[in-house]
Amino acid sequence: MKSRMPRRSESTMPEMKKDSDLSPEDFVRHPVWVGVHGFDSDEPWYENSDEETFRPWLGPLPFNETRGVALIVATMELADGSLSSGFCRAVRDDWDSPIPAIAANTVMEGTLRSWSDMHGGSKLSVLLLQSPIIFINGRQFDFQLRVPQLRVRTIQEFYSAVGKKPSDVFPLRFAARSGLATGLTSGILDGFYDLPLSPPDRSKVDLEITTGESLLNQGEAEPPGSTDRLLDKGQINPQVMDAEQTYSLSLEDLRRYPVWSRQSVPDSKKPLNEQYVFVPWKQSIPVDPTSSDLRIAATFVLHDGTEFPGYVTSVPENWAEIVPPPTVIGSSRIQRKSSKARYGDCPSAIIEQQQPCVFVEGRKFQFWCVSKDPEDLNHEFREALGKRHEDIFPIQFSCRPGLSLGIVAGQLKGFYKSVKVLGKPARVECY
């Protein structure tokens, strides 16, 4: 007789979520989630669920059920050694045992076929059962190749979010945390995969595994420089000319073009901060932060969940080691030091490189302070928002997906300023 968990009353209806809505925090609270349709068919909440609905597993660990689907929190180790959280499905050890084939109106109906036999004979087909998912900045990314019309965008969005080269990502190893489930809970990904179903007559199918590197600079049925796929609906202004430039970016500028390049325009008659202009970026994306000084449209999420538009500078992974080019003033050249040489190993120094800026009621607030007092700015910022400090900070920000490689997200705990220390590296203070 099939065993099941004790029946719950309606007053103890469990937390239920779509698998696509699960977050890293959900797996911190509950490391194992099970499909409602596999376990709760006689429960009152079953009618409010579907095949994509999951609830926390409250039974004994390790999970060892032979029915249903279980999602297990996992660690994802990229090729460069960096770690991210994620999850995968627990798969039984006998996953490739032959099962009756279903092929109506064919002589193959009723014959025994294994899972791998049904997918081109490849043992890699276990990945379809494990379905590993990685979290990047709280967003889920899987590794299944989409149809050609969609795969370029999804792969570009993945690399933009992870901020790494394909060789730094793959091969990727994933493993569920020890003691949470029996069976197969680990594996290796050499890239994004497509493992189609084989026809019953066992005719050959094409299996595909790729890191996606060849797709990073491809467009999607638009000429190079097109902004149609970069902007939110209703935000395109086709009348903007290529020669458009501005000394100070506005929200309207970012609605027309989500990426702008900051370029030097030497003019001894103007102050140093006016010897630059911003011009729309109309080359391929995602952009490389090492090639240009770019400003990328971004979203800023306050602690209370409200969102505001803005922009940031995407920075390379080795941002702290980079020595910036010299600043030319007339006949003089001023060579600056790398961030590490100036601030040591201070992690907050990245804010100076990212230059995050948010728009509130038409006003710009920059979180790295040079000439303005950070305490005064913090006060003005709270007044403009009409919120308390604890409702505002920390702020999470991230660039729009697919626009840039490198580091495109971060956290703000206040307004920042560089403070010199005699005989020591400068420090970054937050107000």
Protein backbone atom coordinates (compact mmCIF):
# COMPACT_ATOMS: atom_id res chain seq x y z
CA MET A 1 0.00 0.00 0.00
CA LYS A 2 1.37 3.43 -0.95
CA SER A 3 2.51 5.47 2.06
CA ARG A 4 1.96 9.18 2.28
CA MET A 5 2.49 12.10 4.58
CA PRO A 6 -0.18 12.64 7.26
CA ARG A 7 -3.21 14.55 5.98
CA ARG A 8 -3.24 18.26 6.79
CA SER A 9 -6.30 20.35 7.50
CA GLU A 10 -7.17 23.43 5.47
CA SER A 11 -5.92 25.56 8.35
CA THR A 12 -2.45 24.14 7.80
CA MET A 13 -2.36 24.58 4.04
CA PRO A 14 1.32 24.55 3.07
CA GLU A 15 3.24 27.30 1.36
CA MET A 16 3.05 26.64 -2.38
CA LYS A 17 5.07 28.14 -5.22
CA LYS A 18 5.70 27.65 -8.90
CA ASP A 19 9.15 26.15 -9.41
CA SER A 20 10.02 29.14 -11.62
CA ASP A 21 9.24 31.49 -8.71
CA LEU A 22 11.52 29.81 -6.16
CA SER A 23 14.30 32.05 -4.87
CA PRO A 24 17.61 31.46 -3.03
CA GLU A 25 15.86 32.55 0.17
CA ASP A 26 13.22 29.83 -0.31
CA PHE A 27 15.95 27.19 -0.32
CA VAL A 28 17.56 28.71 2.76
CA ARG A 29 14.26 28.24 4.61
CA HIS A 30 13.53 24.83 3.09
CA PRO A 31 16.35 22.96 1.30
CA VAL A 32 13.95 20.45 -0.31
CA TRP A 33 10.71 21.22 -2.19
CA VAL A 34 8.35 18.58 -3.61
CA GLY A 35 5.81 18.67 -6.41
CA VAL A 36 2.26 18.92 -5.07
CA HIS A 37 0.91 16.74 -7.90
CA GLY A 38 3.19 13.88 -6.87
CA PHE A 39 2.28 13.83 -3.20
CA ASP A 40 -0.95 15.64 -2.35
CA SER A 41 -3.60 14.29 -4.71
CA ASP A 42 -6.04 13.73 -1.81
CA GLU A 43 -5.38 17.03 -0.06
CA PRO A 44 -7.79 19.99 -0.19
CA TRP A 45 -5.24 22.30 -1.82
CA TYR A 46 -4.55 19.92 -4.70
CA GLU A 47 -7.16 21.57 -6.93
CA ASN A 48 -5.31 24.88 -6.59
CA SER A 49 -2.07 23.43 -7.95
CA ASP A 50 -0.63 22.14 -11.20
CA GLU A 51 2.44 20.20 -12.33
CA GLU A 52 4.64 23.24 -11.67
CA THR A 53 3.49 23.78 -8.06
CA PHE A 54 5.88 22.85 -5.24
CA ARG A 55 5.78 22.96 -1.45
CA PRO A 56 8.42 22.51 1.26
CA TRP A 57 9.28 18.91 2.13
CA LEU A 58 8.67 18.40 5.86
CA GLY A 59 9.38 14.68 5.93
CA PRO A 60 12.58 12.93 7.00
CA LEU A 61 15.93 13.55 5.30
CA PRO A 62 17.54 12.40 3.16
CA PHE A 63 14.61 12.50 0.74
CA ASN A 64 14.15 8.93 -0.47
CA GLU A 65 10.67 8.79 -2.03
CA THR A 66 10.16 6.83 -5.24
CA ARG A 67 7.24 8.99 -6.33
CA GLY A 68 6.92 12.62 -7.25
CA VAL A 69 9.55 15.24 -7.99
CA ALA A 70 11.88 16.83 -5.46
CA LEU A 71 13.97 19.98 -5.93
CA ILE A 72 17.17 20.00 -3.85
CA VAL A 73 19.30 23.03 -3.05
CA ALA A 74 22.68 22.71 -4.79
CA THR A 75 26.05 24.36 -5.10
CA MET A 76 27.17 25.31 -8.60
CA GLU A 77 30.94 25.50 -9.12
CA LEU A 78 32.01 27.38 -12.25
CA ALA A 79 35.16 26.58 -14.20
CA ASP A 80 37.03 29.47 -12.59
CA GLY A 81 36.29 28.10 -9.12
CA SER A 82 33.60 30.62 -8.17
CA LEU A 83 30.49 29.30 -6.45
CA SER A 84 26.80 30.09 -6.85
CA SER A 85 23.66 28.63 -5.35
CA GLY A 86 21.06 26.77 -7.33
CA PHE A 87 18.98 23.61 -7.27
CA CYS A 88 18.47 20.37 -9.16
CA ARG A 89 16.06 17.46 -9.16
CA ALA A 90 16.86 14.29 -7.27
CA VAL A 91 17.08 11.36 -9.72
CA ARG A 92 16.78 7.69 -8.77
CA ASP A 93 19.82 5.48 -9.22
CA ASP A 94 17.88 3.30 -11.66
CA TRP A 95 16.92 6.27 -13.85
CA ASP A 96 18.05 4.49 -17.03
CA SER A 97 16.24 1.20 -16.48
CA PRO A 98 14.13 0.23 -19.51
CA ILE A 99 10.47 1.23 -19.40
CA PRO A 100 7.62 0.39 -21.82
CA ALA A 101 7.74 2.59 -24.89
CA ILE A 102 4.57 4.37 -25.90
CA ALA A 103 4.27 4.76 -29.63
CA ALA A 104 0.72 4.36 -30.78
CA ASN A 105 0.13 2.77 -34.19
CA THR A 106 3.72 1.55 -34.50
CA VAL A 107 5.27 -1.87 -34.16
CA MET A 108 7.42 -0.46 -31.37
CA GLU A 109 4.52 0.00 -28.96
CA GLY A 110 5.07 -2.00 -25.77
CA THR A 111 8.81 -2.57 -26.31
CA LEU A 112 11.22 -1.64 -23.54
CA ARG A 113 13.36 1.45 -23.96
CA SER A 114 15.65 3.18 -21.48
CA TRP A 115 15.62 6.94 -20.94
CA SER A 116 18.98 7.37 -22.69
CA ASP A 117 17.83 5.15 -25.58
CA MET A 118 14.90 7.52 -26.03
CA HIS A 119 17.36 10.44 -26.26
CA GLY A 120 19.89 9.39 -28.84
CA GLY A 121 21.59 6.77 -26.68
CA SER A 122 23.40 9.42 -24.65
CA LYS A 123 23.90 9.04 -20.90
CA LEU A 124 24.00 12.85 -20.82
CA SER A 125 20.23 12.69 -21.09
CA VAL A 126 20.20 12.38 -17.30
CA LEU A 127 20.60 16.17 -17.36
CA LEU A 128 17.01 16.42 -18.61
CA LEU A 129 15.91 14.65 -15.44
CA GLN A 130 18.20 16.58 -13.10
CA SER A 131 17.35 19.95 -14.70
CA PRO A 132 20.06 21.97 -12.90
CA ILE A 133 19.20 25.63 -12.24
CA ILE A 134 21.65 28.35 -11.17
CA PHE A 135 20.76 31.56 -9.33
CA ILE A 136 22.49 34.74 -10.51
CA ASN A 137 21.54 37.87 -8.62
CA GLY A 138 18.41 36.05 -7.48
CA ARG A 139 17.34 35.14 -11.02
CA GLN A 140 16.98 31.57 -12.27
CA PHE A 141 18.90 30.36 -15.32
CA ASP A 142 18.68 26.84 -16.74
CA PHE A 143 20.98 25.32 -19.34
CA GLN A 144 18.58 23.93 -21.92
CA LEU A 145 19.00 25.30 -25.43
CA ARG A 146 15.92 26.96 -26.75
CA VAL A 147 14.63 27.00 -30.30
CA PRO A 148 16.96 29.00 -32.60
CA GLN A 149 14.70 32.06 -32.40
CA LEU A 150 15.18 32.27 -28.62
CA ARG A 151 18.58 30.79 -27.80
CA VAL A 152 20.65 33.85 -28.74
CA ARG A 153 18.78 36.08 -26.33
CA THR A 154 18.72 33.59 -23.45
CA ILE A 155 22.44 32.84 -23.75
CA GLN A 156 23.35 36.51 -23.99
CA GLU A 157 21.24 37.27 -20.93
CA PHE A 158 22.96 34.47 -19.01
CA TYR A 159 26.48 35.73 -19.75
CA SER A 160 25.46 39.31 -19.08
CA ALA A 161 24.15 38.29 -15.65
CA VAL A 162 27.06 36.04 -14.70
CA GLY A 163 29.62 38.55 -15.98
CA LYS A 164 32.11 35.90 -17.11
CA LYS A 165 33.56 34.43 -20.29
CA PRO A 166 32.35 31.00 -21.45
CA SER A 167 35.73 29.48 -20.52
CA ASP A 168 35.27 30.76 -16.96
CA VAL A 169 31.85 29.13 -16.68
CA PHE A 170 32.16 25.72 -18.33
CA PRO A 171 32.63 22.98 -17.41
CA LEU A 172 30.28 23.69 -14.51
CA ARG A 173 29.89 21.20 -11.66
CA PHE A 174 26.75 21.03 -9.58
CA ALA A 175 26.03 19.03 -6.45
CA ALA A 176 23.14 18.97 -4.00
CA ARG A 177 24.11 19.48 -0.39
CA SER A 178 25.08 16.30 1.38
CA GLY A 179 22.43 14.43 3.32
CA LEU A 180 19.40 15.98 1.64
CA ALA A 181 18.48 13.28 -0.89
CA THR A 182 19.51 9.85 -2.12
CA GLY A 183 20.14 8.95 -5.76
CA LEU A 184 21.92 11.10 -8.34
CA THR A 185 22.23 14.66 -7.09
CA SER A 186 25.37 15.89 -8.88
CA GLY A 187 26.74 16.26 -12.38
CA ILE A 188 28.84 18.20 -14.86
CA LEU A 189 27.68 20.64 -17.53
CA ASP A 190 29.96 21.23 -20.50
CA GLY A 191 27.58 23.85 -21.85
CA PHE A 192 23.98 24.47 -22.80
CA TYR A 193 22.36 21.29 -24.06
CA ASP A 194 19.68 20.06 -26.44
CA LEU A 195 18.88 16.36 -26.08
CA PRO A 196 15.79 15.75 -28.25
CA LEU A 197 13.55 12.72 -28.03
CA SER A 198 14.47 9.90 -30.43
CA PRO A 199 11.73 8.37 -32.59
CA PRO A 200 10.71 4.80 -31.74
CA ASP A 201 12.55 3.39 -34.76
CA ARG A 202 15.81 4.58 -33.12
CA SER A 203 16.74 6.73 -36.10
CA LYS A 204 19.53 9.17 -35.36
CA VAL A 205 18.85 12.49 -33.62
CA ASP A 206 21.23 15.42 -33.34
CA LEU A 207 22.47 16.10 -29.81
CA GLU A 208 23.90 19.52 -29.15
CA ILE A 209 26.05 20.87 -26.32
CA THR A 210 27.59 24.33 -26.66
CA THR A 211 29.07 27.00 -24.41
CA GLY A 212 27.27 29.57 -26.56
CA GLU A 213 30.43 31.55 -27.25
CA SER A 214 29.64 31.79 -30.96
CA LEU A 215 26.27 33.38 -30.14
CA LEU A 216 27.46 36.18 -27.89
CA ASN A 217 27.93 38.74 -30.65
CA GLN A 218 24.97 37.72 -32.76
CA GLY A 219 21.85 39.80 -33.15
CA GLU A 220 18.30 38.61 -33.44
CA ALA A 221 16.86 39.31 -36.89
CA GLU A 222 17.76 43.01 -36.62
CA PRO A 223 20.60 44.97 -38.22
CA PRO A 224 23.60 45.83 -36.03
CA GLY A 225 22.92 48.81 -33.84
CA SER A 226 19.16 48.30 -33.75
CA THR A 227 17.68 49.29 -30.42
CA ASP A 228 14.32 47.56 -30.88
CA ARG A 229 15.18 44.59 -28.65
CA LEU A 230 16.99 46.65 -26.02
CA LEU A 231 14.23 48.97 -24.92
CA ASP A 232 11.04 48.52 -22.99
CA LYS A 233 7.87 48.59 -25.06
CA GLY A 234 6.79 52.09 -25.92
CA GLN A 235 10.17 53.64 -25.15
CA ILE A 236 11.65 53.79 -28.65
CA ASN A 237 12.13 57.07 -30.42
CA PRO A 238 13.12 56.25 -34.01
CA GLN A 239 13.79 59.93 -34.75
CA VAL A 240 16.94 60.06 -32.59
CA MET A 241 19.91 60.82 -34.81
CA ASP A 242 23.31 59.11 -34.59
CA ALA A 243 24.99 62.41 -33.86
CA GLU A 244 22.95 62.93 -30.67
CA GLN A 245 25.12 63.55 -27.65
CA THR A 246 24.72 64.97 -24.18
CA TYR A 247 26.88 66.20 -21.32
CA SER A 248 24.55 64.77 -18.67
CA LEU A 249 22.39 61.68 -19.05
CA SER A 250 18.67 61.99 -18.38
CA LEU A 251 15.99 59.39 -17.87
CA GLU A 252 14.65 60.19 -21.32
CA ASP A 253 18.10 59.51 -22.80
CA LEU A 254 18.10 56.03 -21.25
CA ARG A 255 14.60 55.36 -22.54
CA ARG A 256 15.81 56.07 -26.06
CA TYR A 257 19.07 54.14 -25.74
CA PRO A 258 19.93 51.83 -22.82
CA VAL A 259 23.71 52.04 -23.33
CA TRP A 260 25.79 55.22 -23.64
CA SER A 261 29.51 55.69 -24.20
CA ARG A 262 31.41 58.42 -22.34
CA GLN A 263 33.95 59.99 -24.69
CA SER A 264 36.63 62.58 -24.19
CA VAL A 265 36.29 65.91 -26.02
CA PRO A 266 39.36 67.98 -25.03
CA ASP A 267 38.63 71.71 -24.79
CA SER A 268 40.97 73.86 -22.70
CA LYS A 269 38.31 76.55 -22.45
CA LYS A 270 36.00 74.28 -20.46
CA PRO A 271 36.28 72.76 -16.95
CA LEU A 272 37.60 69.21 -16.83
CA ASN A 273 34.20 67.69 -16.04
CA GLU A 274 32.76 69.28 -19.19
CA GLN A 275 35.40 67.82 -21.49
CA TYR A 276 33.36 64.68 -21.94
CA VAL A 277 30.15 63.82 -23.77
CA PHE A 278 27.85 60.82 -23.78
CA VAL A 279 26.90 59.33 -27.13
CA PRO A 280 24.47 56.45 -27.79
CA TRP A 281 26.03 53.00 -28.09
CA LYS A 282 24.92 51.43 -31.37
CA GLN A 283 27.34 48.57 -31.70
CA SER A 284 26.91 44.92 -30.71
CA ILE A 285 25.79 43.78 -27.28
CA PRO A 286 26.41 42.60 -24.67
CA VAL A 287 29.11 45.26 -24.35
CA ASP A 288 32.60 44.54 -23.03
CA PRO A 289 33.36 46.81 -20.02
CA THR A 290 37.08 46.70 -20.82
CA SER A 291 36.64 48.28 -24.25
CA SER A 292 34.79 51.52 -23.46
CA ASP A 293 33.63 53.76 -20.64
CA LEU A 294 29.94 52.88 -20.71
CA ARG A 295 26.79 53.76 -18.79
CA ILE A 296 24.14 51.03 -18.70
CA ALA A 297 20.44 51.39 -17.88
CA ALA A 298 19.72 49.78 -14.51
CA THR A 299 16.97 49.16 -11.98
CA PHE A 300 17.36 50.12 -8.32
CA VAL A 301 15.26 48.17 -5.80
CA LEU A 302 14.84 49.76 -2.39
CA HIS A 303 14.65 47.72 0.80
CA ASP A 304 10.86 48.06 0.86
CA GLY A 305 10.64 46.66 -2.67
CA THR A 306 9.92 49.85 -4.63
CA GLU A 307 11.86 50.26 -7.88
CA PHE A 308 13.45 53.27 -9.57
CA PRO A 309 15.31 53.66 -12.88
CA GLY A 310 18.91 54.72 -13.16
CA TYR A 311 22.24 53.70 -14.64
CA VAL A 312 25.60 52.26 -13.64
CA THR A 313 29.00 51.60 -15.18
CA SER A 314 29.68 47.92 -15.79
CA VAL A 315 33.13 46.92 -14.58
CA PRO A 316 35.43 43.98 -15.38
CA GLU A 317 35.95 41.15 -12.89
CA ASN A 318 39.51 42.37 -12.22
CA TRP A 319 38.38 45.96 -11.62
CA ALA A 320 40.58 46.46 -8.56
CA GLU A 321 43.77 45.68 -10.51
CA ILE A 322 43.14 47.91 -13.52
CA VAL A 323 45.28 51.02 -13.87
CA PRO A 324 43.11 53.72 -15.48
CA PRO A 325 44.44 55.67 -18.48
CA PRO A 326 46.05 59.04 -17.69
CA THR A 327 43.94 62.17 -17.50
CA VAL A 328 45.14 64.82 -19.95
CA ILE A 329 44.76 68.48 -18.97
CA GLY A 330 46.33 70.76 -21.54
CA SER A 331 49.93 69.60 -21.86
CA SER A 332 49.82 67.75 -18.52
CA ARG A 333 49.16 64.05 -18.01
CA ILE A 334 47.95 62.82 -14.62
CA GLN A 335 48.39 59.09 -14.09
CA ARG A 336 46.02 57.62 -11.52
CA LYS A 337 46.58 54.41 -9.57
CA SER A 338 44.54 51.22 -9.56
CA SER A 339 41.74 50.91 -7.05
CA LYS A 340 43.72 48.32 -5.08
CA ALA A 341 46.74 50.61 -4.87
CA ARG A 342 44.52 53.41 -3.57
CA TYR A 343 42.17 51.53 -1.24
CA GLY A 344 43.83 48.19 -0.56
CA ASP A 345 41.34 45.32 -0.43
CA CYS A 346 38.34 47.49 0.45
CA PRO A 347 35.30 45.86 -1.25
CA SER A 348 33.27 49.11 -1.13
CA ALA A 349 35.76 50.73 -3.51
CA ILE A 350 33.87 49.10 -6.38
CA ILE A 351 31.17 51.78 -5.92
CA GLU A 352 33.63 54.36 -7.27
CA GLN A 353 34.04 52.21 -10.40
CA GLN A 354 30.34 51.44 -10.86
CA GLN A 355 29.20 55.07 -10.35
CA PRO A 356 25.58 54.10 -9.59
CA CYS A 357 23.03 56.84 -10.25
CA VAL A 358 19.26 56.76 -9.66
CA PHE A 359 16.43 59.01 -10.86
CA VAL A 360 13.83 60.15 -8.31
CA GLU A 361 11.13 62.61 -9.37
CA GLY A 362 13.30 63.86 -12.23
CA ARG A 363 16.34 64.38 -10.03
CA LYS A 364 19.60 62.42 -10.22
CA PHE A 365 21.27 61.01 -7.11
CA GLN A 366 24.81 59.66 -7.43
CA PHE A 367 25.96 57.42 -4.60
CA TRP A 368 29.69 58.07 -5.00
CA CYS A 369 30.32 61.57 -3.66
CA VAL A 370 33.19 63.71 -4.91
CA SER A 371 32.38 67.32 -4.11
CA LYS A 372 29.03 67.03 -2.35
CA ASP A 373 28.62 66.13 1.31
CA PRO A 374 27.33 62.53 1.55
CA GLU A 375 25.31 63.21 4.70
CA ASP A 376 23.53 66.11 3.01
CA LEU A 377 22.83 63.95 -0.05
CA ASN A 378 21.47 61.16 2.13
CA HIS A 379 19.07 63.62 3.78
CA GLU A 380 17.95 65.03 0.42
CA PHE A 381 17.49 61.52 -0.93
CA ARG A 382 15.22 60.52 1.96
CA GLU A 383 13.19 63.69 1.52
CA ALA A 384 12.79 63.13 -2.23
CA LEU A 385 11.59 59.58 -1.60
CA GLY A 386 9.50 60.42 1.45
CA LYS A 387 10.84 57.30 3.16
CA ARG A 388 12.80 56.33 6.25
CA HIS A 389 16.40 55.15 6.03
CA GLU A 390 15.44 51.58 6.95
CA ASP A 391 12.87 51.51 4.12
CA ILE A 392 15.50 52.58 1.59
CA PHE A 393 18.73 50.74 2.40
CA PRO A 394 20.20 48.41 1.44
CA ILE A 395 19.42 49.08 -2.23
CA GLN A 396 19.95 46.32 -4.78
CA PHE A 397 20.78 47.44 -8.32
CA SER A 398 21.34 45.58 -11.57
CA CYS A 399 21.65 46.38 -15.26
CA ARG A 400 18.98 45.28 -17.66
CA PRO A 401 19.66 41.67 -18.74
CA GLY A 402 21.70 41.13 -21.88
CA LEU A 403 23.30 44.58 -22.13
CA SER A 404 26.78 44.07 -20.68
CA LEU A 405 29.36 41.56 -19.57
CA GLY A 406 31.34 42.05 -16.37
CA ILE A 407 29.95 42.99 -12.97
CA VAL A 408 26.54 44.53 -13.58
CA ALA A 409 24.93 44.43 -10.14
CA GLY A 410 25.62 45.44 -6.56
CA GLN A 411 24.33 46.69 -3.25
CA LEU A 412 24.23 50.16 -1.71
CA LYS A 413 24.10 50.77 2.04
CA GLY A 414 24.21 54.54 1.77
CA PHE A 415 26.26 57.29 0.09
CA TYR A 416 29.99 56.73 -0.24
CA LYS A 417 33.06 58.93 -0.11
CA SER A 418 36.83 58.45 -0.29
CA VAL A 419 38.66 59.54 2.87
CA LYS A 420 42.43 60.01 2.78
CA VAL A 421 44.52 58.53 5.61
CA LEU A 422 48.05 59.81 6.12
CA GLY A 423 50.63 57.15 5.32
CA LYS A 424 47.96 54.52 4.60
CA PRO A 425 45.63 53.56 1.76
CA ALA A 426 42.53 55.74 1.55
CA ARG A 427 39.35 54.27 2.97
CA VAL A 428 35.79 54.29 1.73
CA GLU A 429 33.20 55.52 4.21
CA CYS A 430 29.47 55.04 3.94
CA TYR A 431 26.99 57.63 5.23
